[in-house]
Amino acid sequence: MAKEKGRKLIAQNKKARHDYLVIDTYEAGLVLTGTEVKSLRQGRASLVDGFVQLDGNEAWLHNVHVPEYSQGTWTNHSARRKRKLLLHRAEIDKLESKSGETGHTIVPLALYFKDGRAKVEIALAKGKKEYDKRQTLREKQDRRETDRAIAAVRRKQRGA
């Protein structure tokens, strides 16, 4: 069997980018059981309620839903168990010091396979207030409208 190359996205947490201001991102490995890997290879997972908790000198991923493997037997995993993250000591120390600040949390952004290994992209993030979310949406709409207007002008110039 040939070794996989590249990045294959399994699940993405779009709501996290809406609800939080992403300060810094990290890539972490995951400690998984065999049936979890098989379930992930089928492309089934949900990061919606997930969060990272630092416990001592270890990082743990909580509330990420990886459904049971359909052909699994008594060795199947529980769907929402906590999973250990593989990070360097310096990264854990940095996350621990930053997440201790008020309003900061660590959330998963994406779950993917990179060269055949399961990885999760986590972010140090700060919660947005409701008015911040509205402001971000407004800026996004304004940017989209200006891009459309510029594209329309360019189309007219090419046609004339």
C-alpha atoms as a PDB file:
ATOM      1  CA  MET A   1       0.000   0.000   0.000  1.00  0.00           C
ATOM      2  CA  ALA A   2       1.383   3.405  -1.018  1.00  0.00           C
ATOM      3  CA  LYS A   3       1.919   5.995   1.696  1.00  0.00           C
ATOM      4  CA  GLU A   4      -0.532   8.898   1.639  1.00  0.00           C
ATOM      5  CA  LYS A   5       0.810  12.330   0.765  1.00  0.00           C
ATOM      6  CA  GLY A   6      -0.677  15.746   1.430  1.00  0.00           C
ATOM      7  CA  ARG A   7      -3.530  16.895   3.603  1.00  0.00           C
ATOM      8  CA  LYS A   8      -7.013  15.336   3.620  1.00  0.00           C
ATOM      9  CA  LEU A   9      -9.560  17.402   5.580  1.00  0.00           C
ATOM     10  CA  ILE A  10     -11.995  15.421   7.746  1.00  0.00           C
ATOM     11  CA  ALA A  11     -13.843  18.081   9.758  1.00  0.00           C
ATOM     12  CA  GLN A  12     -13.721  21.834  10.170  1.00  0.00           C
ATOM     13  CA  ASN A  13     -15.080  24.101  12.907  1.00  0.00           C
ATOM     14  CA  LYS A  14     -16.348  27.158  11.005  1.00  0.00           C
ATOM     15  CA  LYS A  15     -18.316  28.370  14.001  1.00  0.00           C
ATOM     16  CA  ALA A  16     -15.106  28.783  16.024  1.00  0.00           C
ATOM     17  CA  ARG A  17     -13.786  31.454  13.642  1.00  0.00           C
ATOM     18  CA  HIS A  18     -17.116  33.277  13.969  1.00  0.00           C
ATOM     19  CA  ASP A  19     -17.328  33.069  17.764  1.00  0.00           C
ATOM     20  CA  TYR A  20     -13.652  33.624  18.583  1.00  0.00           C
ATOM     21  CA  LEU A  21     -10.830  35.920  17.567  1.00  0.00           C
ATOM     22  CA  VAL A  22      -7.994  33.527  16.642  1.00  0.00           C
ATOM     23  CA  ILE A  23      -4.704  34.699  18.148  1.00  0.00           C
ATOM     24  CA  ASP A  24      -2.338  31.815  17.387  1.00  0.00           C
ATOM     25  CA  THR A  25      -2.670  28.361  15.763  1.00  0.00           C
ATOM     26  CA  TYR A  26      -0.856  25.093  16.445  1.00  0.00           C
ATOM     27  CA  GLU A  27      -0.793  21.683  14.789  1.00  0.00           C
ATOM     28  CA  ALA A  28      -1.052  18.739  17.186  1.00  0.00           C
ATOM     29  CA  GLY A  29      -1.036  14.990  16.763  1.00  0.00           C
ATOM     30  CA  LEU A  30      -3.785  12.833  18.251  1.00  0.00           C
ATOM     31  CA  VAL A  31      -3.579   9.616  20.263  1.00  0.00           C
ATOM     32  CA  LEU A  32      -6.325   7.435  18.766  1.00  0.00           C
ATOM     33  CA  THR A  33      -7.524   3.834  18.900  1.00  0.00           C
ATOM     34  CA  GLY A  34      -7.832   1.694  15.766  1.00  0.00           C
ATOM     35  CA  THR A  35     -11.598   2.061  15.371  1.00  0.00           C
ATOM     36  CA  GLU A  36     -11.324   5.840  15.740  1.00  0.00           C
ATOM     37  CA  VAL A  37      -8.855   6.000  12.856  1.00  0.00           C
ATOM     38  CA  LYS A  38     -11.119   3.836  10.687  1.00  0.00           C
ATOM     39  CA  SER A  39     -14.103   6.040  11.496  1.00  0.00           C
ATOM     40  CA  LEU A  40     -12.094   9.179  10.668  1.00  0.00           C
ATOM     41  CA  ARG A  41     -10.957   7.643   7.361  1.00  0.00           C
ATOM     42  CA  GLN A  42     -14.664   7.417   6.464  1.00  0.00           C
ATOM     43  CA  GLY A  43     -14.745  11.199   6.962  1.00  0.00           C
ATOM     44  CA  ARG A  44     -17.014  11.247   9.983  1.00  0.00           C
ATOM     45  CA  ALA A  45     -16.327  13.644  12.858  1.00  0.00           C
ATOM     46  CA  SER A  46     -17.665  16.820  14.466  1.00  0.00           C
ATOM     47  CA  LEU A  47     -15.655  19.558  16.197  1.00  0.00           C
ATOM     48  CA  VAL A  48     -18.597  21.814  17.087  1.00  0.00           C
ATOM     49  CA  ASP A  49     -18.496  21.534  20.902  1.00  0.00           C
ATOM     50  CA  GLY A  50     -14.799  20.685  21.163  1.00  0.00           C
ATOM     51  CA  PHE A  51     -12.283  22.387  23.418  1.00  0.00           C
ATOM     52  CA  VAL A  52      -8.766  21.760  24.709  1.00  0.00           C
ATOM     53  CA  GLN A  53      -7.947  21.499  28.393  1.00  0.00           C
ATOM     54  CA  LEU A  54      -4.434  21.601  29.799  1.00  0.00           C
ATOM     55  CA  ASP A  55      -4.031  19.172  32.688  1.00  0.00           C
ATOM     56  CA  GLY A  56      -0.636  19.181  34.336  1.00  0.00           C
ATOM     57  CA  ASN A  57       1.860  18.821  31.514  1.00  0.00           C
ATOM     58  CA  GLU A  58      -0.558  17.322  29.006  1.00  0.00           C
ATOM     59  CA  ALA A  59      -3.142  18.681  26.581  1.00  0.00           C
ATOM     60  CA  TRP A  60      -6.494  16.897  26.177  1.00  0.00           C
ATOM     61  CA  LEU A  61      -9.136  17.317  23.486  1.00  0.00           C
ATOM     62  CA  HIS A  62     -12.662  17.147  24.924  1.00  0.00           C
ATOM     63  CA  ASN A  63     -16.152  16.838  23.362  1.00  0.00           C
ATOM     64  CA  VAL A  64     -15.034  16.021  19.818  1.00  0.00           C
ATOM     65  CA  HIS A  65     -17.524  13.566  18.352  1.00  0.00           C
ATOM     66  CA  VAL A  66     -15.987  10.661  16.419  1.00  0.00           C
ATOM     67  CA  PRO A  67     -18.861   8.213  15.780  1.00  0.00           C
ATOM     68  CA  GLU A  68     -18.377   4.516  16.436  1.00  0.00           C
ATOM     69  CA  TYR A  69     -16.973   2.475  13.560  1.00  0.00           C
ATOM     70  CA  SER A  70     -19.830   0.649  11.845  1.00  0.00           C
ATOM     71  CA  GLN A  71     -17.935  -2.658  11.446  1.00  0.00           C
ATOM     72  CA  GLY A  72     -16.418  -2.425  14.934  1.00  0.00           C
ATOM     73  CA  THR A  73     -16.976  -5.091  17.578  1.00  0.00           C
ATOM     74  CA  TRP A  74     -16.610  -4.959  21.339  1.00  0.00           C
ATOM     75  CA  THR A  75     -13.331  -3.050  20.762  1.00  0.00           C
ATOM     76  CA  ASN A  76     -15.223   0.025  19.552  1.00  0.00           C
ATOM     77  CA  HIS A  77     -14.472   3.382  21.194  1.00  0.00           C
ATOM     78  CA  SER A  78     -16.878   5.743  22.953  1.00  0.00           C
ATOM     79  CA  ALA A  79     -17.873   8.626  20.682  1.00  0.00           C
ATOM     80  CA  ARG A  80     -17.044  11.611  22.934  1.00  0.00           C
ATOM     81  CA  ARG A  81     -14.072  10.367  24.976  1.00  0.00           C
ATOM     82  CA  LYS A  82     -11.224  12.746  25.775  1.00  0.00           C
ATOM     83  CA  ARG A  83      -8.199  12.330  23.518  1.00  0.00           C
ATOM     84  CA  LYS A  84      -4.601  13.197  24.265  1.00  0.00           C
ATOM     85  CA  LEU A  85      -2.891  15.790  22.076  1.00  0.00           C
ATOM     86  CA  LEU A  86       0.745  15.469  21.091  1.00  0.00           C
ATOM     87  CA  LEU A  87       2.514  18.820  21.427  1.00  0.00           C
ATOM     88  CA  HIS A  88       6.042  19.916  22.248  1.00  0.00           C
ATOM     89  CA  ARG A  89       6.711  20.940  25.841  1.00  0.00           C
ATOM     90  CA  ALA A  90       7.420  24.562  24.812  1.00  0.00           C
ATOM     91  CA  GLU A  91       4.061  24.749  23.011  1.00  0.00           C
ATOM     92  CA  ILE A  92       2.191  23.377  26.025  1.00  0.00           C
ATOM     93  CA  ASP A  93       3.935  25.858  28.340  1.00  0.00           C
ATOM     94  CA  LYS A  94       3.126  28.752  26.007  1.00  0.00           C
ATOM     95  CA  LEU A  95      -0.533  27.680  25.719  1.00  0.00           C
ATOM     96  CA  GLU A  96      -0.797  27.267  29.478  1.00  0.00           C
ATOM     97  CA  SER A  97       0.494  30.763  30.192  1.00  0.00           C
ATOM     98  CA  LYS A  98      -1.653  32.426  27.516  1.00  0.00           C
ATOM     99  CA  SER A  99      -4.879  30.513  28.232  1.00  0.00           C
ATOM    100  CA  GLY A 100      -4.714  31.581  31.873  1.00  0.00           C
ATOM    101  CA  GLU A 101      -5.511  35.145  30.813  1.00  0.00           C
ATOM    102  CA  THR A 102      -9.113  36.308  31.057  1.00  0.00           C
ATOM    103  CA  GLY A 103     -11.301  35.445  28.083  1.00  0.00           C
ATOM    104  CA  HIS A 104      -8.768  33.153  26.389  1.00  0.00           C
ATOM    105  CA  THR A 105      -9.524  29.552  25.443  1.00  0.00           C
ATOM    106  CA  ILE A 106      -8.141  26.829  23.187  1.00  0.00           C
ATOM    107  CA  VAL A 107     -10.464  25.510  20.464  1.00  0.00           C
ATOM    108  CA  PRO A 108     -10.026  22.973  17.644  1.00  0.00           C
ATOM    109  CA  LEU A 109     -10.317  24.473  14.155  1.00  0.00           C
ATOM    110  CA  ALA A 110      -9.763  21.492  11.849  1.00  0.00           C
ATOM    111  CA  LEU A 111      -9.225  17.737  11.934  1.00  0.00           C
ATOM    112  CA  TYR A 112      -7.287  16.193   9.055  1.00  0.00           C
ATOM    113  CA  PHE A 113      -4.855  13.538   7.898  1.00  0.00           C
ATOM    114  CA  LYS A 114      -1.379  14.788   7.007  1.00  0.00           C
ATOM    115  CA  ASP A 115       0.833  12.220   5.307  1.00  0.00           C
ATOM    116  CA  GLY A 116      -1.328   9.449   6.782  1.00  0.00           C
ATOM    117  CA  ARG A 117      -1.297  10.735  10.362  1.00  0.00           C
ATOM    118  CA  ALA A 118      -4.289  12.253  12.170  1.00  0.00           C
ATOM    119  CA  LYS A 119      -3.695  15.885  13.128  1.00  0.00           C
ATOM    120  CA  VAL A 120      -5.814  18.589  14.696  1.00  0.00           C
ATOM    121  CA  GLU A 121      -5.322  22.319  14.231  1.00  0.00           C
ATOM    122  CA  ILE A 122      -5.948  24.083  17.523  1.00  0.00           C
ATOM    123  CA  ALA A 123      -6.085  27.796  18.173  1.00  0.00           C
ATOM    124  CA  LEU A 124      -5.519  30.051  21.123  1.00  0.00           C
ATOM    125  CA  ALA A 125      -8.571  32.264  20.870  1.00  0.00           C
ATOM    126  CA  LYS A 126     -10.409  35.049  22.643  1.00  0.00           C
ATOM    127  CA  GLY A 127     -14.207  35.116  22.756  1.00  0.00           C
ATOM    128  CA  LYS A 128     -15.933  37.784  20.664  1.00  0.00           C
ATOM    129  CA  LYS A 129     -18.742  39.938  21.956  1.00  0.00           C
ATOM    130  CA  GLU A 130     -21.982  40.154  19.976  1.00  0.00           C
ATOM    131  CA  TYR A 131     -21.121  43.576  18.542  1.00  0.00           C
ATOM    132  CA  ASP A 132     -17.714  42.268  17.407  1.00  0.00           C
ATOM    133  CA  LYS A 133     -19.444  39.481  15.474  1.00  0.00           C
ATOM    134  CA  ARG A 134     -21.767  41.992  13.783  1.00  0.00           C
ATOM    135  CA  GLN A 135     -18.819  44.249  12.943  1.00  0.00           C
ATOM    136  CA  THR A 136     -16.924  41.330  11.356  1.00  0.00           C
ATOM    137  CA  LEU A 137     -19.987  40.394   9.279  1.00  0.00           C
ATOM    138  CA  ARG A 138     -20.410  44.005   8.159  1.00  0.00           C
ATOM    139  CA  GLU A 139     -16.756  44.245   7.085  1.00  0.00           C
ATOM    140  CA  LYS A 140     -17.060  40.973   5.176  1.00  0.00           C
ATOM    141  CA  GLN A 141     -20.161  42.213   3.318  1.00  0.00           C
ATOM    142  CA  ASP A 142     -18.513  45.557   2.506  1.00  0.00           C
ATOM    143  CA  ARG A 143     -15.445  43.782   1.142  1.00  0.00           C
ATOM    144  CA  ARG A 144     -17.640  41.524  -1.001  1.00  0.00           C
ATOM    145  CA  GLU A 145     -19.593  44.509  -2.397  1.00  0.00           C
ATOM    146  CA  THR A 146     -16.434  46.425  -3.316  1.00  0.00           C
ATOM    147  CA  ASP A 147     -14.975  43.327  -5.006  1.00  0.00           C
ATOM    148  CA  ARG A 148     -18.186  42.955  -7.041  1.00  0.00           C
ATOM    149  CA  ALA A 149     -18.138  46.628  -8.036  1.00  0.00           C
ATOM    150  CA  ILE A 150     -14.489  46.429  -9.123  1.00  0.00           C
ATOM    151  CA  ALA A 151     -15.184  43.254 -11.101  1.00  0.00           C
ATOM    152  CA  ALA A 152     -18.154  44.906 -12.850  1.00  0.00           C
ATOM    153  CA  VAL A 153     -16.023  47.937 -13.845  1.00  0.00           C
ATOM    154  CA  ARG A 154     -13.301  45.666 -15.196  1.00  0.00           C
ATOM    155  CA  ARG A 155     -15.842  43.660 -17.217  1.00  0.00           C
ATOM    156  CA  LYS A 156     -17.154  46.878 -18.756  1.00  0.00           C
ATOM    157  CA  GLN A 157     -13.636  48.042 -19.636  1.00  0.00           C
ATOM    158  CA  ARG A 158     -12.814  44.725 -21.329  1.00  0.00           C
ATOM    159  CA  GLY A 159     -16.077  44.737 -23.274  1.00  0.00           C
ATOM    160  CA  ALA A 160     -15.696  48.323 -24.519  1.00  0.00           C
END
